[in-house]
N, C-alpha and C. Protein backbone atom coordinates (compact mmCIF):
# COMPACT_ATOMS: atom_id res chain seq x y z
N MET A 1 -134.99 -33.24 16.70
CA MET A 1 -134.05 -33.20 17.54
C MET A 1 -132.72 -32.94 16.66
N ASP A 2 -131.91 -31.83 17.09
CA ASP A 2 -130.77 -31.41 16.29
C ASP A 2 -129.60 -32.21 16.79
N LYS A 3 -129.30 -32.34 18.08
CA LYS A 3 -128.20 -33.23 18.60
C LYS A 3 -128.68 -33.82 19.74
N PRO A 4 -128.15 -34.97 19.83
CA PRO A 4 -128.63 -36.06 21.11
C PRO A 4 -128.13 -35.21 22.54
N PRO A 5 -128.98 -35.47 23.56
CA PRO A 5 -128.40 -34.98 24.83
C PRO A 5 -127.23 -35.66 25.24
N PHE A 6 -126.37 -34.91 26.22
CA PHE A 6 -125.13 -35.29 26.66
C PHE A 6 -125.33 -36.70 27.43
N GLY A 7 -126.43 -36.79 28.29
CA GLY A 7 -126.79 -38.02 29.04
C GLY A 7 -126.67 -39.39 27.96
N PHE A 8 -127.54 -39.06 26.87
CA PHE A 8 -127.70 -40.33 26.04
C PHE A 8 -126.12 -40.42 25.42
N VAL A 9 -125.50 -39.60 25.11
CA VAL A 9 -123.97 -39.87 24.58
C VAL A 9 -123.14 -40.62 25.59
N PHE A 10 -123.13 -40.18 26.78
CA PHE A 10 -122.43 -40.66 27.85
C PHE A 10 -122.91 -42.20 28.14
N VAL A 11 -124.23 -42.57 28.32
CA VAL A 11 -124.73 -43.90 28.50
C VAL A 11 -124.23 -44.67 27.19
N PHE A 12 -124.26 -44.14 25.95
CA PHE A 12 -124.28 -44.92 24.81
C PHE A 12 -122.63 -45.41 24.85
N LEU A 13 -121.76 -44.43 25.00
CA LEU A 13 -120.48 -44.68 25.24
C LEU A 13 -120.16 -45.68 26.30
N LEU A 14 -120.69 -45.62 27.40
CA LEU A 14 -120.38 -46.49 28.46
C LEU A 14 -121.21 -48.12 28.12
N PHE A 15 -122.00 -48.12 27.45
CA PHE A 15 -122.44 -49.38 26.94
C PHE A 15 -121.39 -49.99 25.99
N SER A 16 -121.00 -49.08 25.10
CA SER A 16 -119.72 -49.24 23.88
C SER A 16 -118.59 -49.94 24.88
N LEU A 17 -118.17 -49.29 25.87
CA LEU A 17 -117.00 -49.65 26.54
C LEU A 17 -117.23 -51.09 27.23
N LEU A 18 -118.56 -51.23 27.78
CA LEU A 18 -118.82 -52.72 28.37
C LEU A 18 -118.49 -53.71 27.28
N PHE A 19 -119.00 -53.48 26.09
CA PHE A 19 -118.68 -54.42 24.84
C PHE A 19 -117.40 -54.55 24.57
N ILE A 20 -116.65 -53.53 24.54
CA ILE A 20 -115.17 -53.39 24.24
C ILE A 20 -114.44 -54.37 25.26
N SER A 21 -114.91 -54.22 26.70
CA SER A 21 -114.26 -54.67 27.56
C SER A 21 -114.40 -56.36 27.58
N ASN A 22 -115.43 -56.73 27.32
CA ASN A 22 -115.75 -58.08 27.17
C ASN A 22 -115.14 -58.68 25.86
N SER A 23 -115.07 -57.93 24.68
CA SER A 23 -114.25 -58.38 23.53
C SER A 23 -112.80 -58.60 24.11
N TYR A 24 -112.27 -57.76 24.71
CA TYR A 24 -110.92 -57.60 25.05
C TYR A 24 -110.83 -59.17 25.89
N LYS A 25 -111.69 -59.25 26.98
CA LYS A 25 -111.54 -60.54 27.63
C LYS A 25 -111.55 -61.60 26.79
N LEU A 26 -112.49 -61.73 25.89
CA LEU A 26 -112.54 -62.78 24.91
C LEU A 26 -111.25 -63.20 24.03
N TRP A 27 -110.71 -62.12 23.59
CA TRP A 27 -109.64 -62.37 22.82
C TRP A 27 -108.28 -62.45 23.52
N PHE A 28 -108.11 -61.80 24.72
CA PHE A 28 -106.91 -61.88 25.32
C PHE A 28 -106.70 -62.54 26.65
N ARG A 29 -107.94 -62.96 27.12
CA ARG A 29 -108.01 -63.59 28.37
C ARG A 29 -108.96 -64.66 28.31
N THR A 30 -109.00 -65.39 27.21
CA THR A 30 -110.04 -66.43 26.85
C THR A 30 -110.29 -67.28 27.95
N ASP A 31 -109.12 -68.14 28.53
CA ASP A 31 -109.45 -68.81 29.51
C ASP A 31 -110.21 -68.31 30.68
N LYS A 32 -109.89 -67.21 31.17
CA LYS A 32 -110.31 -66.56 32.38
C LYS A 32 -111.83 -66.26 32.05
N TYR A 33 -111.95 -65.68 30.71
CA TYR A 33 -113.52 -65.44 30.39
C TYR A 33 -114.40 -66.55 30.47
N TYR A 34 -113.88 -67.46 29.74
CA TYR A 34 -114.79 -68.70 29.53
C TYR A 34 -115.03 -69.40 30.97
N ASN A 35 -114.09 -69.45 31.76
CA ASN A 35 -114.36 -69.89 33.14
C ASN A 35 -115.20 -69.01 34.06
N GLU A 36 -115.18 -67.70 33.95
CA GLU A 36 -116.15 -66.80 34.58
C GLU A 36 -117.46 -67.07 34.14
N LEU A 37 -117.55 -67.21 32.62
CA LEU A 37 -119.08 -67.18 32.04
C LEU A 37 -119.49 -68.59 32.54
N TYR A 38 -118.81 -69.73 32.50
CA TYR A 38 -119.44 -70.88 32.98
C TYR A 38 -119.63 -71.02 34.11
N ASN A 39 -118.82 -70.47 35.14
CA ASN A 39 -119.05 -70.56 36.60
C ASN A 39 -120.34 -69.79 36.83
N SER A 40 -120.72 -68.69 36.31
CA SER A 40 -121.92 -67.82 36.46
C SER A 40 -123.06 -68.67 35.99
N LEU A 41 -122.83 -69.33 34.95
CA LEU A 41 -124.21 -70.13 34.49
C LEU A 41 -124.39 -71.19 35.28
N ILE A 42 -123.48 -71.97 35.80
CA ILE A 42 -123.77 -73.12 36.83
C ILE A 42 -124.04 -72.77 38.16
N ASN A 43 -123.96 -71.56 38.60
CA ASN A 43 -124.24 -71.21 40.06
C ASN A 43 -125.75 -71.09 40.07
N LYS A 44 -126.32 -71.72 41.05
CA LYS A 44 -127.74 -71.99 41.26
C LYS A 44 -128.45 -70.49 41.70
N ASN A 45 -127.88 -69.77 42.26
CA ASN A 45 -128.34 -68.65 42.79
C ASN A 45 -128.55 -67.37 41.64
N THR A 46 -127.95 -67.62 40.45
CA THR A 46 -128.22 -66.63 39.30
C THR A 46 -129.28 -66.99 38.55
N PRO A 47 -130.16 -66.20 38.47
CA PRO A 47 -131.44 -66.21 37.70
C PRO A 47 -131.32 -65.93 36.20
N TYR A 48 -130.53 -66.50 35.48
CA TYR A 48 -130.31 -66.24 34.12
C TYR A 48 -131.58 -66.73 33.37
N PRO A 49 -132.23 -66.16 32.55
CA PRO A 49 -132.95 -67.08 31.57
C PRO A 49 -132.28 -67.56 30.56
N PHE A 50 -132.80 -68.86 30.00
CA PHE A 50 -132.38 -69.74 29.09
C PHE A 50 -131.06 -70.18 29.40
N LYS A 51 -130.64 -70.36 30.77
CA LYS A 51 -129.40 -70.89 31.22
C LYS A 51 -129.01 -72.21 30.76
N ASP A 52 -129.85 -73.13 30.63
CA ASP A 52 -129.54 -74.65 29.92
C ASP A 52 -129.08 -74.44 28.45
N PHE A 53 -129.79 -73.33 27.67
CA PHE A 53 -129.36 -73.11 26.25
C PHE A 53 -127.78 -72.64 26.38
N PHE A 54 -127.56 -71.70 27.13
CA PHE A 54 -126.25 -71.18 27.12
C PHE A 54 -125.05 -72.14 27.63
N LEU A 55 -125.65 -72.83 28.44
CA LEU A 55 -124.78 -74.12 29.10
C LEU A 55 -124.32 -74.96 27.91
N LYS A 56 -125.43 -75.47 27.19
CA LYS A 56 -125.08 -76.31 25.89
C LYS A 56 -124.25 -75.83 24.86
N GLN A 57 -124.33 -74.40 24.76
CA GLN A 57 -123.57 -73.60 23.89
C GLN A 57 -122.12 -73.76 24.17
N LEU A 58 -121.78 -73.70 25.65
CA LEU A 58 -120.28 -73.81 25.93
C LEU A 58 -119.70 -75.17 26.19
N GLU A 59 -120.64 -76.23 25.75
CA GLU A 59 -120.18 -77.41 25.94
C GLU A 59 -118.83 -77.73 24.79
N ASN A 60 -118.98 -77.16 23.64
CA ASN A 60 -118.20 -77.08 22.66
C ASN A 60 -117.33 -76.07 22.78
N ARG A 61 -116.21 -76.01 23.23
CA ARG A 61 -115.41 -74.77 23.63
C ARG A 61 -114.85 -74.35 22.37
N GLN A 62 -114.29 -75.02 21.61
CA GLN A 62 -113.87 -74.75 20.31
C GLN A 62 -114.91 -73.97 19.30
N ARG A 63 -115.79 -74.58 19.33
CA ARG A 63 -116.95 -73.91 18.19
C ARG A 63 -117.51 -72.65 19.05
N TRP A 64 -117.58 -72.50 20.60
CA TRP A 64 -118.24 -71.49 20.98
C TRP A 64 -117.10 -70.33 20.97
N GLU A 65 -115.91 -70.48 21.08
CA GLU A 65 -114.92 -69.65 21.02
C GLU A 65 -114.96 -68.95 19.44
N THR A 66 -114.84 -69.80 18.59
CA THR A 66 -114.80 -69.19 17.16
C THR A 66 -115.92 -68.55 16.94
N ALA A 67 -117.22 -68.94 17.35
CA ALA A 67 -118.51 -68.33 16.97
C ALA A 67 -118.43 -66.79 17.83
N GLN A 68 -118.11 -66.79 19.05
CA GLN A 68 -118.01 -65.45 19.81
C GLN A 68 -116.82 -64.52 19.35
N LYS A 69 -115.69 -65.12 18.59
CA LYS A 69 -114.78 -64.23 18.11
C LYS A 69 -115.23 -63.55 16.75
N ILE A 70 -115.93 -64.29 16.14
CA ILE A 70 -116.48 -63.83 14.84
C ILE A 70 -117.46 -62.66 15.03
N PHE A 71 -118.49 -62.94 16.18
CA PHE A 71 -119.39 -61.93 16.64
C PHE A 71 -118.84 -60.73 17.09
N SER A 72 -117.57 -60.93 17.83
CA SER A 72 -116.98 -59.81 18.40
C SER A 72 -116.18 -58.89 17.39
N LEU A 73 -115.80 -59.40 16.27
CA LEU A 73 -115.31 -58.73 15.04
C LEU A 73 -116.27 -57.86 14.73
N ILE A 74 -117.37 -58.44 14.15
CA ILE A 74 -118.53 -57.72 13.52
C ILE A 74 -119.04 -56.71 14.55
N GLY A 75 -119.24 -57.05 15.88
CA GLY A 75 -119.83 -56.15 16.81
C GLY A 75 -118.64 -54.87 16.95
N PHE A 76 -117.43 -55.11 17.15
CA PHE A 76 -116.36 -54.19 17.16
C PHE A 76 -116.62 -53.09 16.02
N VAL A 77 -116.69 -53.52 14.85
CA VAL A 77 -116.88 -52.42 13.94
C VAL A 77 -118.14 -51.92 14.09
N ALA A 78 -119.10 -52.44 14.36
CA ALA A 78 -120.57 -51.87 14.22
C ALA A 78 -120.45 -50.79 15.59
N VAL A 79 -119.92 -51.03 16.86
CA VAL A 79 -119.87 -50.13 17.94
C VAL A 79 -118.97 -49.27 17.67
N ILE A 80 -117.93 -49.17 17.09
CA ILE A 80 -117.03 -47.93 16.80
C ILE A 80 -117.42 -47.21 16.05
N GLY A 81 -118.17 -47.82 14.82
CA GLY A 81 -118.98 -47.01 13.84
C GLY A 81 -120.17 -46.01 14.60
N ALA A 82 -121.00 -46.72 15.25
CA ALA A 82 -122.08 -46.33 16.14
C ALA A 82 -121.60 -45.08 16.94
N ASP A 83 -120.47 -45.30 17.63
CA ASP A 83 -119.81 -44.50 18.51
C ASP A 83 -119.34 -43.23 17.98
N ILE A 84 -118.58 -43.30 16.71
CA ILE A 84 -118.23 -42.20 15.89
C ILE A 84 -119.50 -41.38 15.48
N LEU A 85 -120.51 -41.97 14.96
CA LEU A 85 -121.71 -41.21 14.51
C LEU A 85 -122.41 -40.63 15.65
N VAL A 86 -122.46 -41.07 17.03
CA VAL A 86 -123.37 -40.50 17.88
C VAL A 86 -122.25 -39.22 18.30
N VAL A 87 -120.95 -39.39 18.45
CA VAL A 87 -120.24 -38.26 19.01
C VAL A 87 -120.29 -37.22 17.76
N MET A 88 -120.42 -37.54 16.54
CA MET A 88 -120.55 -36.40 15.50
C MET A 88 -121.60 -35.88 15.48
N ALA A 89 -122.73 -36.42 15.85
CA ALA A 89 -124.06 -35.91 15.86
C ALA A 89 -123.94 -35.00 17.14
N PHE A 90 -123.59 -35.27 18.23
CA PHE A 90 -123.43 -34.50 19.39
C PHE A 90 -122.50 -33.25 19.27
N LEU A 91 -121.44 -33.33 18.45
CA LEU A 91 -120.59 -32.11 18.29
C LEU A 91 -120.92 -31.17 17.28
N LYS A 92 -122.07 -31.70 16.44
CA LYS A 92 -122.56 -30.70 15.43
C LYS A 92 -123.19 -29.56 16.24
């Protein structure tokens, strides 16, 4: 395969945008992001697997916030790097 199809590149960039959007909420709207996440997990109608595990992680907010921000920094670098590689492969 010489270059990835446009559909793949488009979907790849959409998933990257989703990650970046969530990272933005984590860094700049932390209270709102935390509350949305917590409320979605305590909602009985949402069928999340491992719901109790994630609720336990949210109990210590400071620890959760620190871990999420470290992960988002690493993820941001990886996502932007992958986006650049995918777009370069498509443009070749």
